[in-house]
Amino acid sequence: MKKVWVSLLLIGMTLPTLAQQTEKKERSGNPIFPGWYADPEGIVFKDKYWVYPTYSAPYEKQVHMDAFSSPDLVTWTKHSNIIDTTSIKWAKRAMWAPAVLEKDGRYFLFFGANDIQNDKEKGGIGVAVADKPEGPFKDHLGKPLIDKFHNGAQPIDQFVFKDKDGQYYMIYGGWRHCNIAKLKPDFTGFIPFDDGTTFREITPESYVEGPFMFMRNGKYYFMWSEGGWTGPNYSVAYAIADSPFGPFKRVGKILQQDPTVATGAGHHSVIQVPGTDRWYIVYHRRPLTETDGNHRETCIDPMYFDEQGMIKPVKITVEGVKAEPIGKAKAR
């Protein structure tokens, strides 16, 4: 009888632990994976969610990128060194802000490298290609796609947007300027606009960097980061227009620090669950215990709209999101 009571006691002690483990698996928690990672690009490929972040470290150590995949936004698998400077000969440092898409069965990764400060320096925005979303990615051109400043925009923080007519646009820029350019179908260059220009400025009020665009109910939502990335007030604002060229009138901030949770919440992307009107914002932030600018973590929280289509302010959380199995998803 004594053994029976001991066994029952052990079972009773174990049940809460198992319940806690099950409860933890029901939500992603924030950060969604360990390590210092920033500027996350979230996207759906086939039956998985993918996040492609910047490796957050001093510029000289930013010579590679990792990726993470998940079937449900909760359980994440790391894919190490999907691209590095050994495969991109002109890239030496500061590999930033990947933007990834699938086209005709191949995966294209756009990235910034070298943090050029003027047109005399070598670097800018490049593009690499792979047969799988986890790479390995190889240089598509053997040189930068954009290697100079245009309209004052530093060639960094690129995002590639596919319009409803199938045309791909690159939206990019640092130093408080943002350009849009029409990509060639093979991503080897750009197609000039009807007025003969190649880079058209669409900079909204208070823009700093980190552009992102998506469509919902026929409207173009343009989002960007404001403030300094090393500071607590880094944040995300947005505008809405009827065209990818704007004009974009700033509506307001929808993502920013919560002094009780984390600071420096910014440089984001948005994931729509395929076939639904459920949306998530993927972003980086800095733990309250950290002061090093490079100590940034990748997090996720729900993003909601009101009845007028305006984005509601995002509540940043420690808990993250519930499991959202993707089912049969379609790539963006």
C-alpha atoms as a PDB file:
ATOM      1  CA  MET A   1       0.000   0.000   0.000  1.00  0.00           C
ATOM      2  CA  LYS A   2       2.887   2.328   0.819  1.00  0.00           C
ATOM      3  CA  LYS A   3       4.275   1.918  -2.710  1.00  0.00           C
ATOM      4  CA  VAL A   4       0.854   2.745  -4.142  1.00  0.00           C
ATOM      5  CA  TRP A   5       0.649   5.965  -2.144  1.00  0.00           C
ATOM      6  CA  VAL A   6       4.165   6.950  -3.184  1.00  0.00           C
ATOM      7  CA  SER A   7       3.291   6.294  -6.819  1.00  0.00           C
ATOM      8  CA  LEU A   8       0.122   8.359  -6.572  1.00  0.00           C
ATOM      9  CA  LEU A   9       2.074  11.159  -4.922  1.00  0.00           C
ATOM     10  CA  LEU A  10       4.651  11.157  -7.722  1.00  0.00           C
ATOM     11  CA  ILE A  11       1.919  11.211 -10.361  1.00  0.00           C
ATOM     12  CA  GLY A  12       0.266  14.135  -8.599  1.00  0.00           C
ATOM     13  CA  MET A  13       3.543  16.030  -8.573  1.00  0.00           C
ATOM     14  CA  THR A  14       4.153  15.292 -12.244  1.00  0.00           C
ATOM     15  CA  LEU A  15       0.750  16.333 -13.597  1.00  0.00           C
ATOM     16  CA  PRO A  16       1.172  20.092 -12.983  1.00  0.00           C
ATOM     17  CA  THR A  17       4.565  19.976 -14.683  1.00  0.00           C
ATOM     18  CA  LEU A  18       3.120  18.243 -17.746  1.00  0.00           C
ATOM     19  CA  ALA A  19       0.257  20.719 -17.799  1.00  0.00           C
ATOM     20  CA  GLN A  20       2.704  23.611 -17.683  1.00  0.00           C
ATOM     21  CA  GLN A  21       4.718  22.124 -20.544  1.00  0.00           C
ATOM     22  CA  THR A  22       1.563  21.688 -22.624  1.00  0.00           C
ATOM     23  CA  GLU A  23       0.509  25.245 -21.841  1.00  0.00           C
ATOM     24  CA  LYS A  24       3.891  26.586 -22.920  1.00  0.00           C
ATOM     25  CA  LYS A  25       3.630  24.810 -26.259  1.00  0.00           C
ATOM     26  CA  GLU A  26       0.284  26.457 -26.932  1.00  0.00           C
ATOM     27  CA  ARG A  27       1.953  29.870 -27.230  1.00  0.00           C
ATOM     28  CA  SER A  28       5.123  31.030 -28.910  1.00  0.00           C
ATOM     29  CA  GLY A  29       6.447  33.144 -26.084  1.00  0.00           C
ATOM     30  CA  ASN A  30       8.622  36.157 -26.891  1.00  0.00           C
ATOM     31  CA  PRO A  31      11.264  36.023 -28.189  1.00  0.00           C
ATOM     32  CA  ILE A  32      10.145  33.271 -30.550  1.00  0.00           C
ATOM     33  CA  PHE A  33      13.650  31.805 -30.786  1.00  0.00           C
ATOM     34  CA  PRO A  34      16.867  32.373 -28.805  1.00  0.00           C
ATOM     35  CA  GLY A  35      19.698  34.658 -29.848  1.00  0.00           C
ATOM     36  CA  TRP A  36      20.212  38.259 -30.857  1.00  0.00           C
ATOM     37  CA  TYR A  37      18.301  38.770 -34.104  1.00  0.00           C
ATOM     38  CA  ALA A  38      16.725  41.867 -35.660  1.00  0.00           C
ATOM     39  CA  ASP A  39      14.893  43.178 -38.761  1.00  0.00           C
ATOM     40  CA  PRO A  40      12.826  39.991 -39.228  1.00  0.00           C
ATOM     41  CA  GLU A  41      11.177  39.227 -42.562  1.00  0.00           C
ATOM     42  CA  GLY A  42       8.206  36.902 -42.069  1.00  0.00           C
ATOM     43  CA  ILE A  43       6.690  34.990 -44.967  1.00  0.00           C
ATOM     44  CA  VAL A  44       4.822  31.790 -45.841  1.00  0.00           C
ATOM     45  CA  PHE A  45       6.319  29.167 -48.140  1.00  0.00           C
ATOM     46  CA  LYS A  46       4.124  26.125 -48.788  1.00  0.00           C
ATOM     47  CA  ASP A  47       3.107  24.677 -45.411  1.00  0.00           C
ATOM     48  CA  LYS A  48       5.484  26.641 -43.179  1.00  0.00           C
ATOM     49  CA  TYR A  49       6.049  30.074 -41.769  1.00  0.00           C
ATOM     50  CA  TRP A  50       9.546  31.432 -42.273  1.00  0.00           C
ATOM     51  CA  VAL A  51      11.423  34.235 -40.539  1.00  0.00           C
ATOM     52  CA  TYR A  52      14.619  35.674 -42.001  1.00  0.00           C
ATOM     53  CA  PRO A  53      16.334  38.078 -39.574  1.00  0.00           C
ATOM     54  CA  THR A  54      19.527  40.089 -39.392  1.00  0.00           C
ATOM     55  CA  TYR A  55      22.172  38.576 -37.125  1.00  0.00           C
ATOM     56  CA  SER A  56      22.382  41.338 -34.512  1.00  0.00           C
ATOM     57  CA  ALA A  57      26.049  41.942 -33.724  1.00  0.00           C
ATOM     58  CA  PRO A  58      28.767  44.532 -34.413  1.00  0.00           C
ATOM     59  CA  TYR A  59      28.958  45.301 -38.147  1.00  0.00           C
ATOM     60  CA  GLU A  60      32.232  43.436 -38.668  1.00  0.00           C
ATOM     61  CA  LYS A  61      30.635  40.239 -37.344  1.00  0.00           C
ATOM     62  CA  GLN A  62      27.526  40.504 -39.512  1.00  0.00           C
ATOM     63  CA  VAL A  63      28.878  38.233 -42.233  1.00  0.00           C
ATOM     64  CA  HIS A  64      26.117  35.618 -42.373  1.00  0.00           C
ATOM     65  CA  MET A  65      22.390  35.094 -41.972  1.00  0.00           C
ATOM     66  CA  ASP A  66      20.284  32.366 -40.384  1.00  0.00           C
ATOM     67  CA  ALA A  67      16.638  31.490 -41.036  1.00  0.00           C
ATOM     68  CA  PHE A  68      13.902  29.927 -38.915  1.00  0.00           C
ATOM     69  CA  SER A  69      10.863  27.877 -39.955  1.00  0.00           C
ATOM     70  CA  SER A  70       7.712  26.790 -38.140  1.00  0.00           C
ATOM     71  CA  PRO A  71       4.535  24.845 -38.916  1.00  0.00           C
ATOM     72  CA  ASP A  72       2.511  26.802 -36.339  1.00  0.00           C
ATOM     73  CA  LEU A  73       4.343  29.986 -35.179  1.00  0.00           C
ATOM     74  CA  VAL A  74       5.180  28.235 -31.889  1.00  0.00           C
ATOM     75  CA  THR A  75       7.809  25.580 -32.638  1.00  0.00           C
ATOM     76  CA  TRP A  76      10.767  26.945 -34.600  1.00  0.00           C
ATOM     77  CA  THR A  77      13.637  25.209 -36.411  1.00  0.00           C
ATOM     78  CA  LYS A  78      16.902  27.034 -37.021  1.00  0.00           C
ATOM     79  CA  HIS A  79      18.596  26.895 -40.430  1.00  0.00           C
ATOM     80  CA  SER A  80      22.149  28.146 -39.959  1.00  0.00           C
ATOM     81  CA  ASN A  81      24.296  30.089 -42.413  1.00  0.00           C
ATOM     82  CA  ILE A  82      21.823  30.231 -45.283  1.00  0.00           C
ATOM     83  CA  ILE A  83      24.033  32.926 -46.825  1.00  0.00           C
ATOM     84  CA  ASP A  84      27.407  34.406 -45.929  1.00  0.00           C
ATOM     85  CA  THR A  85      30.164  36.595 -47.316  1.00  0.00           C
ATOM     86  CA  THR A  86      32.077  33.633 -48.746  1.00  0.00           C
ATOM     87  CA  SER A  87      29.331  33.280 -51.373  1.00  0.00           C
ATOM     88  CA  ILE A  88      28.916  37.045 -51.897  1.00  0.00           C
ATOM     89  CA  LYS A  89      32.416  38.216 -52.762  1.00  0.00           C
ATOM     90  CA  TRP A  90      31.674  41.945 -52.712  1.00  0.00           C
ATOM     91  CA  ALA A  91      29.960  41.782 -49.295  1.00  0.00           C
ATOM     92  CA  LYS A  92      32.383  42.251 -46.407  1.00  0.00           C
ATOM     93  CA  ARG A  93      30.293  43.291 -43.404  1.00  0.00           C
ATOM     94  CA  ALA A  94      26.930  44.572 -42.191  1.00  0.00           C
ATOM     95  CA  MET A  95      24.660  42.060 -43.935  1.00  0.00           C
ATOM     96  CA  TRP A  96      21.220  43.410 -43.098  1.00  0.00           C
ATOM     97  CA  ALA A  97      17.459  43.097 -43.391  1.00  0.00           C
ATOM     98  CA  PRO A  98      16.795  40.135 -45.701  1.00  0.00           C
ATOM     99  CA  ALA A  99      13.720  40.194 -47.949  1.00  0.00           C
ATOM    100  CA  VAL A 100      12.800  36.821 -49.431  1.00  0.00           C
ATOM    101  CA  LEU A 101      10.349  35.621 -52.077  1.00  0.00           C
ATOM    102  CA  GLU A 102       9.649  32.595 -54.252  1.00  0.00           C
ATOM    103  CA  LYS A 103       9.321  32.893 -58.032  1.00  0.00           C
ATOM    104  CA  ASP A 104       9.123  30.066 -60.560  1.00  0.00           C
ATOM    105  CA  GLY A 105      10.341  27.506 -58.035  1.00  0.00           C
ATOM    106  CA  ARG A 106      13.402  29.494 -56.968  1.00  0.00           C
ATOM    107  CA  TYR A 107      13.940  31.558 -53.853  1.00  0.00           C
ATOM    108  CA  PHE A 108      15.413  35.044 -54.007  1.00  0.00           C
ATOM    109  CA  LEU A 109      16.967  36.772 -51.012  1.00  0.00           C
ATOM    110  CA  PHE A 110      17.575  40.521 -51.182  1.00  0.00           C
ATOM    111  CA  PHE A 111      19.958  41.982 -48.616  1.00  0.00           C
ATOM    112  CA  GLY A 112      22.021  45.019 -47.740  1.00  0.00           C
ATOM    113  CA  ALA A 113      25.775  44.827 -47.186  1.00  0.00           C
ATOM    114  CA  ASN A 114      28.748  46.982 -46.188  1.00  0.00           C
ATOM    115  CA  ASP A 115      26.725  49.987 -44.878  1.00  0.00           C
ATOM    116  CA  ILE A 116      28.105  52.312 -47.553  1.00  0.00           C
ATOM    117  CA  GLN A 117      28.278  55.988 -46.609  1.00  0.00           C
ATOM    118  CA  ASN A 118      28.777  57.461 -50.089  1.00  0.00           C
ATOM    119  CA  ASP A 119      28.870  56.505 -53.777  1.00  0.00           C
ATOM    120  CA  LYS A 120      32.628  55.894 -53.701  1.00  0.00           C
ATOM    121  CA  GLU A 121      32.327  52.933 -51.349  1.00  0.00           C
ATOM    122  CA  LYS A 122      31.547  49.417 -52.569  1.00  0.00           C
ATOM    123  CA  GLY A 123      28.365  47.773 -51.370  1.00  0.00           C
ATOM    124  CA  GLY A 124      24.633  48.388 -51.254  1.00  0.00           C
ATOM    125  CA  ILE A 125      21.702  46.083 -51.977  1.00  0.00           C
ATOM    126  CA  GLY A 126      22.321  42.634 -53.437  1.00  0.00           C
ATOM    127  CA  VAL A 127      20.287  39.611 -54.436  1.00  0.00           C
ATOM    128  CA  ALA A 128      21.030  35.907 -53.993  1.00  0.00           C
ATOM    129  CA  VAL A 129      19.197  32.812 -55.210  1.00  0.00           C
ATOM    130  CA  ALA A 130      18.609  29.250 -53.985  1.00  0.00           C
ATOM    131  CA  ASP A 131      16.538  26.185 -54.820  1.00  0.00           C
ATOM    132  CA  LYS A 132      15.174  25.889 -51.271  1.00  0.00           C
ATOM    133  CA  PRO A 133      13.980  28.456 -48.717  1.00  0.00           C
ATOM    134  CA  GLU A 134      16.750  27.348 -46.347  1.00  0.00           C
ATOM    135  CA  GLY A 135      19.411  27.938 -48.997  1.00  0.00           C
ATOM    136  CA  PRO A 136      22.261  27.849 -49.505  1.00  0.00           C
ATOM    137  CA  PHE A 137      21.890  31.184 -51.305  1.00  0.00           C
ATOM    138  CA  LYS A 138      24.412  32.163 -53.982  1.00  0.00           C
ATOM    139  CA  ASP A 139      25.075  35.547 -55.560  1.00  0.00           C
ATOM    140  CA  HIS A 140      22.594  36.199 -58.385  1.00  0.00           C
ATOM    141  CA  LEU A 141      24.535  39.020 -60.072  1.00  0.00           C
ATOM    142  CA  GLY A 142      28.114  38.999 -58.800  1.00  0.00           C
ATOM    143  CA  LYS A 143      27.668  42.677 -57.871  1.00  0.00           C
ATOM    144  CA  PRO A 144      25.180  44.882 -56.012  1.00  0.00           C
ATOM    145  CA  LEU A 145      21.774  45.492 -57.537  1.00  0.00           C
ATOM    146  CA  ILE A 146      21.830  49.046 -56.153  1.00  0.00           C
ATOM    147  CA  ASP A 147      25.243  50.463 -55.316  1.00  0.00           C
ATOM    148  CA  LYS A 148      24.595  54.211 -55.096  1.00  0.00           C
ATOM    149  CA  PHE A 149      22.466  56.758 -53.283  1.00  0.00           C
ATOM    150  CA  HIS A 150      19.354  57.872 -55.167  1.00  0.00           C
ATOM    151  CA  ASN A 151      17.121  60.687 -53.911  1.00  0.00           C
ATOM    152  CA  GLY A 152      19.183  60.694 -50.731  1.00  0.00           C
ATOM    153  CA  ALA A 153      18.296  57.101 -49.814  1.00  0.00           C
ATOM    154  CA  GLN A 154      21.066  54.924 -48.454  1.00  0.00           C
ATOM    155  CA  PRO A 155      20.850  51.547 -50.273  1.00  0.00           C
ATOM    156  CA  ILE A 156      19.708  49.416 -47.320  1.00  0.00           C
ATOM    157  CA  ASP A 157      16.492  47.970 -45.854  1.00  0.00           C
ATOM    158  CA  GLN A 158      15.008  46.577 -49.044  1.00  0.00           C
ATOM    159  CA  PHE A 159      11.551  45.042 -49.281  1.00  0.00           C
ATOM    160  CA  VAL A 160      10.123  43.469 -52.437  1.00  0.00           C
ATOM    161  CA  PHE A 161       6.403  43.920 -52.994  1.00  0.00           C
ATOM    162  CA  LYS A 162       4.350  41.986 -55.549  1.00  0.00           C
ATOM    163  CA  ASP A 163       1.490  44.096 -56.852  1.00  0.00           C
ATOM    164  CA  LYS A 164      -1.906  42.716 -57.885  1.00  0.00           C
ATOM    165  CA  ASP A 165      -0.870  42.789 -61.571  1.00  0.00           C
ATOM    166  CA  GLY A 166       2.161  40.588 -60.844  1.00  0.00           C
ATOM    167  CA  GLN A 167       4.730  43.392 -61.054  1.00  0.00           C
ATOM    168  CA  TYR A 168       7.486  43.290 -58.430  1.00  0.00           C
ATOM    169  CA  TYR A 169       8.678  46.535 -56.858  1.00  0.00           C
ATOM    170  CA  MET A 170      11.648  47.158 -54.614  1.00  0.00           C
ATOM    171  CA  ILE A 171      10.901  49.562 -51.777  1.00  0.00           C
ATOM    172  CA  TYR A 172      13.997  50.544 -49.843  1.00  0.00           C
ATOM    173  CA  GLY A 173      16.055  53.200 -48.160  1.00  0.00           C
ATOM    174  CA  GLY A 174      17.795  54.505 -45.092  1.00  0.00           C
ATOM    175  CA  TRP A 175      18.830  57.984 -44.002  1.00  0.00           C
ATOM    176  CA  ARG A 176      15.184  59.136 -43.878  1.00  0.00           C
ATOM    177  CA  HIS A 177      14.519  58.607 -47.584  1.00  0.00           C
ATOM    178  CA  CYS A 178      12.500  55.846 -49.254  1.00  0.00           C
ATOM    179  CA  ASN A 179      12.396  54.902 -52.945  1.00  0.00           C
ATOM    180  CA  ILE A 180      10.298  52.554 -55.038  1.00  0.00           C
ATOM    181  CA  ALA A 181      11.654  50.951 -58.220  1.00  0.00           C
ATOM    182  CA  LYS A 182      10.188  48.531 -60.763  1.00  0.00           C
ATOM    183  CA  LEU A 183      12.136  45.248 -60.877  1.00  0.00           C
ATOM    184  CA  LYS A 184      12.851  43.291 -64.035  1.00  0.00           C
ATOM    185  CA  PRO A 185      11.172  39.848 -64.043  1.00  0.00           C
ATOM    186  CA  ASP A 186      14.531  38.100 -63.525  1.00  0.00           C
ATOM    187  CA  PHE A 187      15.610  40.494 -60.733  1.00  0.00           C
ATOM    188  CA  THR A 188      18.776  41.499 -62.593  1.00  0.00           C
ATOM    189  CA  GLY A 189      17.920  45.187 -62.717  1.00  0.00           C
ATOM    190  CA  PHE A 190      15.148  47.753 -62.988  1.00  0.00           C
ATOM    191  CA  ILE A 191      12.637  48.981 -65.559  1.00  0.00           C
ATOM    192  CA  PRO A 192      12.422  52.787 -65.864  1.00  0.00           C
ATOM    193  CA  PHE A 193       9.086  54.463 -65.243  1.00  0.00           C
ATOM    194  CA  ASP A 194       7.264  56.251 -68.048  1.00  0.00           C
ATOM    195  CA  ASP A 195       8.895  59.558 -67.108  1.00  0.00           C
ATOM    196  CA  GLY A 196      12.362  58.044 -67.595  1.00  0.00           C
ATOM    197  CA  THR A 197      13.268  57.838 -63.911  1.00  0.00           C
ATOM    198  CA  THR A 198      14.179  54.564 -62.218  1.00  0.00           C
ATOM    199  CA  PHE A 199      13.937  55.449 -58.532  1.00  0.00           C
ATOM    200  CA  ARG A 200      10.842  57.298 -57.354  1.00  0.00           C
ATOM    201  CA  GLU A 201      10.799  58.769 -53.868  1.00  0.00           C
ATOM    202  CA  ILE A 202       7.752  57.944 -51.704  1.00  0.00           C
ATOM    203  CA  THR A 203       9.084  59.080 -48.309  1.00  0.00           C
ATOM    204  CA  PRO A 204       6.299  59.731 -45.768  1.00  0.00           C
ATOM    205  CA  GLU A 205       6.478  62.016 -42.754  1.00  0.00           C
ATOM    206  CA  SER A 206       8.873  60.846 -39.991  1.00  0.00           C
ATOM    207  CA  TYR A 207      10.213  57.932 -42.087  1.00  0.00           C
ATOM    208  CA  VAL A 208      13.642  56.661 -41.028  1.00  0.00           C
ATOM    209  CA  GLU A 209      14.080  53.115 -42.418  1.00  0.00           C
ATOM    210  CA  GLY A 210      12.641  49.582 -42.552  1.00  0.00           C
ATOM    211  CA  PRO A 211       9.835  49.880 -45.159  1.00  0.00           C
ATOM    212  CA  PHE A 212       7.156  47.231 -45.582  1.00  0.00           C
ATOM    213  CA  MET A 213       4.038  47.086 -47.773  1.00  0.00           C
ATOM    214  CA  PHE A 214       0.990  44.839 -48.025  1.00  0.00           C
ATOM    215  CA  MET A 215      -2.522  44.963 -49.461  1.00  0.00           C
ATOM    216  CA  ARG A 216      -5.831  44.506 -47.678  1.00  0.00           C
ATOM    217  CA  ASN A 217      -9.286  45.100 -49.144  1.00  0.00           C
ATOM    218  CA  GLY A 218      -7.824  46.875 -52.161  1.00  0.00           C
ATOM    219  CA  LYS A 219      -5.780  49.353 -50.115  1.00  0.00           C
ATOM    220  CA  TYR A 220      -1.988  49.667 -49.926  1.00  0.00           C
ATOM    221  CA  TYR A 221      -0.628  49.726 -46.389  1.00  0.00           C
ATOM    222  CA  PHE A 222       2.844  51.245 -46.176  1.00  0.00           C
ATOM    223  CA  MET A 223       4.726  50.780 -42.914  1.00  0.00           C
ATOM    224  CA  TRP A 224       8.141  51.948 -41.721  1.00  0.00           C
ATOM    225  CA  SER A 225      10.344  52.450 -38.659  1.00  0.00           C
ATOM    226  CA  GLU A 226      10.927  55.735 -36.856  1.00  0.00           C
ATOM    227  CA  GLY A 227      13.500  56.833 -34.286  1.00  0.00           C
ATOM    228  CA  GLY A 228      16.991  55.459 -33.706  1.00  0.00           C
ATOM    229  CA  TRP A 229      17.450  51.688 -33.753  1.00  0.00           C
ATOM    230  CA  THR A 230      19.731  51.698 -30.696  1.00  0.00           C
ATOM    231  CA  GLY A 231      17.317  53.709 -28.568  1.00  0.00           C
ATOM    232  CA  PRO A 232      14.157  52.908 -26.601  1.00  0.00           C
ATOM    233  CA  ASN A 233      11.858  54.967 -28.851  1.00  0.00           C
ATOM    234  CA  TYR A 234      12.346  52.956 -32.040  1.00  0.00           C
ATOM    235  CA  SER A 235       8.847  52.317 -33.378  1.00  0.00           C
ATOM    236  CA  VAL A 236       6.638  51.518 -36.387  1.00  0.00           C
ATOM    237  CA  ALA A 237       4.156  53.845 -38.114  1.00  0.00           C
ATOM    238  CA  TYR A 238       1.993  53.474 -41.201  1.00  0.00           C
ATOM    239  CA  ALA A 239      -0.031  55.091 -43.980  1.00  0.00           C
ATOM    240  CA  ILE A 240      -2.726  53.907 -46.402  1.00  0.00           C
ATOM    241  CA  ALA A 241      -3.088  54.752 -50.100  1.00  0.00           C
ATOM    242  CA  ASP A 242      -4.790  53.623 -53.302  1.00  0.00           C
ATOM    243  CA  SER A 243      -1.478  53.039 -55.105  1.00  0.00           C
ATOM    244  CA  PRO A 244       1.963  51.644 -54.230  1.00  0.00           C
ATOM    245  CA  PHE A 245       3.288  55.104 -55.154  1.00  0.00           C
ATOM    246  CA  GLY A 246       1.150  56.897 -52.589  1.00  0.00           C
ATOM    247  CA  PRO A 247       0.785  59.616 -51.671  1.00  0.00           C
ATOM    248  CA  PHE A 248       1.282  58.217 -48.188  1.00  0.00           C
ATOM    249  CA  LYS A 249      -0.060  60.386 -45.381  1.00  0.00           C
ATOM    250  CA  ARG A 250       1.136  59.214 -41.994  1.00  0.00           C
ATOM    251  CA  VAL A 251      -1.678  57.822 -39.813  1.00  0.00           C
ATOM    252  CA  GLY A 252       0.338  57.182 -36.658  1.00  0.00           C
ATOM    253  CA  LYS A 253       2.359  54.670 -34.665  1.00  0.00           C
ATOM    254  CA  ILE A 254       1.083  51.141 -34.168  1.00  0.00           C
ATOM    255  CA  LEU A 255       4.141  49.501 -32.561  1.00  0.00           C
ATOM    256  CA  GLN A 256       6.355  50.956 -29.858  1.00  0.00           C
ATOM    257  CA  GLN A 257       7.973  50.205 -26.534  1.00  0.00           C
ATOM    258  CA  ASP A 258       6.131  49.180 -23.407  1.00  0.00           C
ATOM    259  CA  PRO A 259       8.353  50.119 -20.428  1.00  0.00           C
ATOM    260  CA  THR A 260       6.960  47.127 -18.528  1.00  0.00           C
ATOM    261  CA  VAL A 261       7.810  44.624 -21.292  1.00  0.00           C
ATOM    262  CA  ALA A 262      10.588  45.784 -23.651  1.00  0.00           C
ATOM    263  CA  THR A 263      11.982  48.819 -25.475  1.00  0.00           C
ATOM    264  CA  GLY A 264      13.039  49.623 -29.034  1.00  0.00           C
ATOM    265  CA  ALA A 265      10.194  47.763 -30.768  1.00  0.00           C
ATOM    266  CA  GLY A 266      10.601  48.226 -34.516  1.00  0.00           C
ATOM    267  CA  HIS A 267      11.848  47.100 -37.941  1.00  0.00           C
ATOM    268  CA  HIS A 268       9.085  44.656 -38.602  1.00  0.00           C
ATOM    269  CA  SER A 269       7.232  42.617 -41.188  1.00  0.00           C
ATOM    270  CA  VAL A 270       3.665  41.322 -41.392  1.00  0.00           C
ATOM    271  CA  ILE A 271       2.356  37.788 -41.950  1.00  0.00           C
ATOM    272  CA  GLN A 272      -1.166  37.046 -43.165  1.00  0.00           C
ATOM    273  CA  VAL A 273      -2.381  33.520 -42.475  1.00  0.00           C
ATOM    274  CA  PRO A 274      -3.247  32.249 -45.973  1.00  0.00           C
ATOM    275  CA  GLY A 275      -6.951  32.134 -46.715  1.00  0.00           C
ATOM    276  CA  THR A 276      -7.865  34.186 -43.633  1.00  0.00           C
ATOM    277  CA  ASP A 277      -7.997  37.763 -42.390  1.00  0.00           C
ATOM    278  CA  ARG A 278      -5.725  36.939 -39.445  1.00  0.00           C
ATOM    279  CA  TRP A 279      -2.507  38.932 -39.269  1.00  0.00           C
ATOM    280  CA  TYR A 280       0.662  38.889 -37.194  1.00  0.00           C
ATOM    281  CA  ILE A 281       3.431  41.427 -36.822  1.00  0.00           C
ATOM    282  CA  VAL A 282       6.988  40.113 -36.500  1.00  0.00           C
ATOM    283  CA  TYR A 283       9.473  42.610 -35.101  1.00  0.00           C
ATOM    284  CA  HIS A 284      12.515  43.058 -32.927  1.00  0.00           C
ATOM    285  CA  ARG A 285      12.793  44.643 -29.510  1.00  0.00           C
ATOM    286  CA  ARG A 286      15.291  45.035 -26.685  1.00  0.00           C
ATOM    287  CA  PRO A 287      14.875  43.337 -23.288  1.00  0.00           C
ATOM    288  CA  LEU A 288      14.561  45.672 -20.313  1.00  0.00           C
ATOM    289  CA  THR A 289      17.746  44.182 -18.876  1.00  0.00           C
ATOM    290  CA  GLU A 290      19.850  45.165 -21.913  1.00  0.00           C
ATOM    291  CA  THR A 291      21.519  48.437 -22.929  1.00  0.00           C
ATOM    292  CA  ASP A 292      23.729  47.183 -25.774  1.00  0.00           C
ATOM    293  CA  GLY A 293      22.202  48.389 -29.051  1.00  0.00           C
ATOM    294  CA  ASN A 294      22.852  45.034 -30.719  1.00  0.00           C
ATOM    295  CA  HIS A 295      20.974  43.053 -28.088  1.00  0.00           C
ATOM    296  CA  ARG A 296      17.713  42.671 -30.001  1.00  0.00           C
ATOM    297  CA  GLU A 297      15.284  39.755 -30.050  1.00  0.00           C
ATOM    298  CA  THR A 298      12.737  38.644 -32.637  1.00  0.00           C
ATOM    299  CA  CYS A 299       9.146  38.638 -31.379  1.00  0.00           C
ATOM    300  CA  ILE A 300       5.608  38.166 -32.696  1.00  0.00           C
ATOM    301  CA  ASP A 301       2.201  39.478 -31.681  1.00  0.00           C
ATOM    302  CA  PRO A 302      -1.264  39.654 -33.279  1.00  0.00           C
ATOM    303  CA  MET A 303      -2.140  42.666 -35.450  1.00  0.00           C
ATOM    304  CA  TYR A 304      -5.772  43.766 -35.677  1.00  0.00           C
ATOM    305  CA  PHE A 305      -7.797  46.206 -37.788  1.00  0.00           C
ATOM    306  CA  ASP A 306     -10.824  48.263 -36.827  1.00  0.00           C
ATOM    307  CA  GLU A 307     -14.031  48.468 -38.873  1.00  0.00           C
ATOM    308  CA  GLN A 308     -12.608  51.315 -40.967  1.00  0.00           C
ATOM    309  CA  GLY A 309      -9.515  49.298 -41.866  1.00  0.00           C
ATOM    310  CA  MET A 310      -7.164  51.195 -39.583  1.00  0.00           C
ATOM    311  CA  ILE A 311      -4.473  49.192 -37.798  1.00  0.00           C
ATOM    312  CA  LYS A 312      -5.052  49.029 -34.067  1.00  0.00           C
ATOM    313  CA  PRO A 313      -2.062  49.732 -31.784  1.00  0.00           C
ATOM    314  CA  VAL A 314      -0.211  46.475 -31.165  1.00  0.00           C
ATOM    315  CA  LYS A 315       0.159  45.260 -27.597  1.00  0.00           C
ATOM    316  CA  ILE A 316       3.636  43.801 -27.210  1.00  0.00           C
ATOM    317  CA  THR A 317       3.619  40.746 -24.968  1.00  0.00           C
ATOM    318  CA  VAL A 318       5.786  38.218 -23.210  1.00  0.00           C
ATOM    319  CA  GLU A 319       3.347  35.415 -24.073  1.00  0.00           C
ATOM    320  CA  GLY A 320       3.465  35.813 -27.868  1.00  0.00           C
ATOM    321  CA  VAL A 321       0.826  34.072 -29.975  1.00  0.00           C
ATOM    322  CA  LYS A 322      -1.202  30.873 -29.905  1.00  0.00           C
ATOM    323  CA  ALA A 323      -0.388  28.008 -32.241  1.00  0.00           C
ATOM    324  CA  GLU A 324      -1.664  28.707 -35.759  1.00  0.00           C
ATOM    325  CA  PRO A 325      -1.073  25.613 -37.929  1.00  0.00           C
ATOM    326  CA  ILE A 326      -0.856  26.748 -41.490  1.00  0.00           C
ATOM    327  CA  GLY A 327      -2.591  23.901 -43.286  1.00  0.00           C
ATOM    328  CA  LYS A 328      -2.423  24.189 -47.047  1.00  0.00           C
ATOM    329  CA  ALA A 329      -0.809  27.582 -47.462  1.00  0.00           C
ATOM    330  CA  LYS A 330      -0.006  29.483 -50.602  1.00  0.00           C
ATOM    331  CA  ALA A 331       3.299  31.296 -50.952  1.00  0.00           C
ATOM    332  CA  ARG A 332       3.144  35.062 -51.177  1.00  0.00           C
END
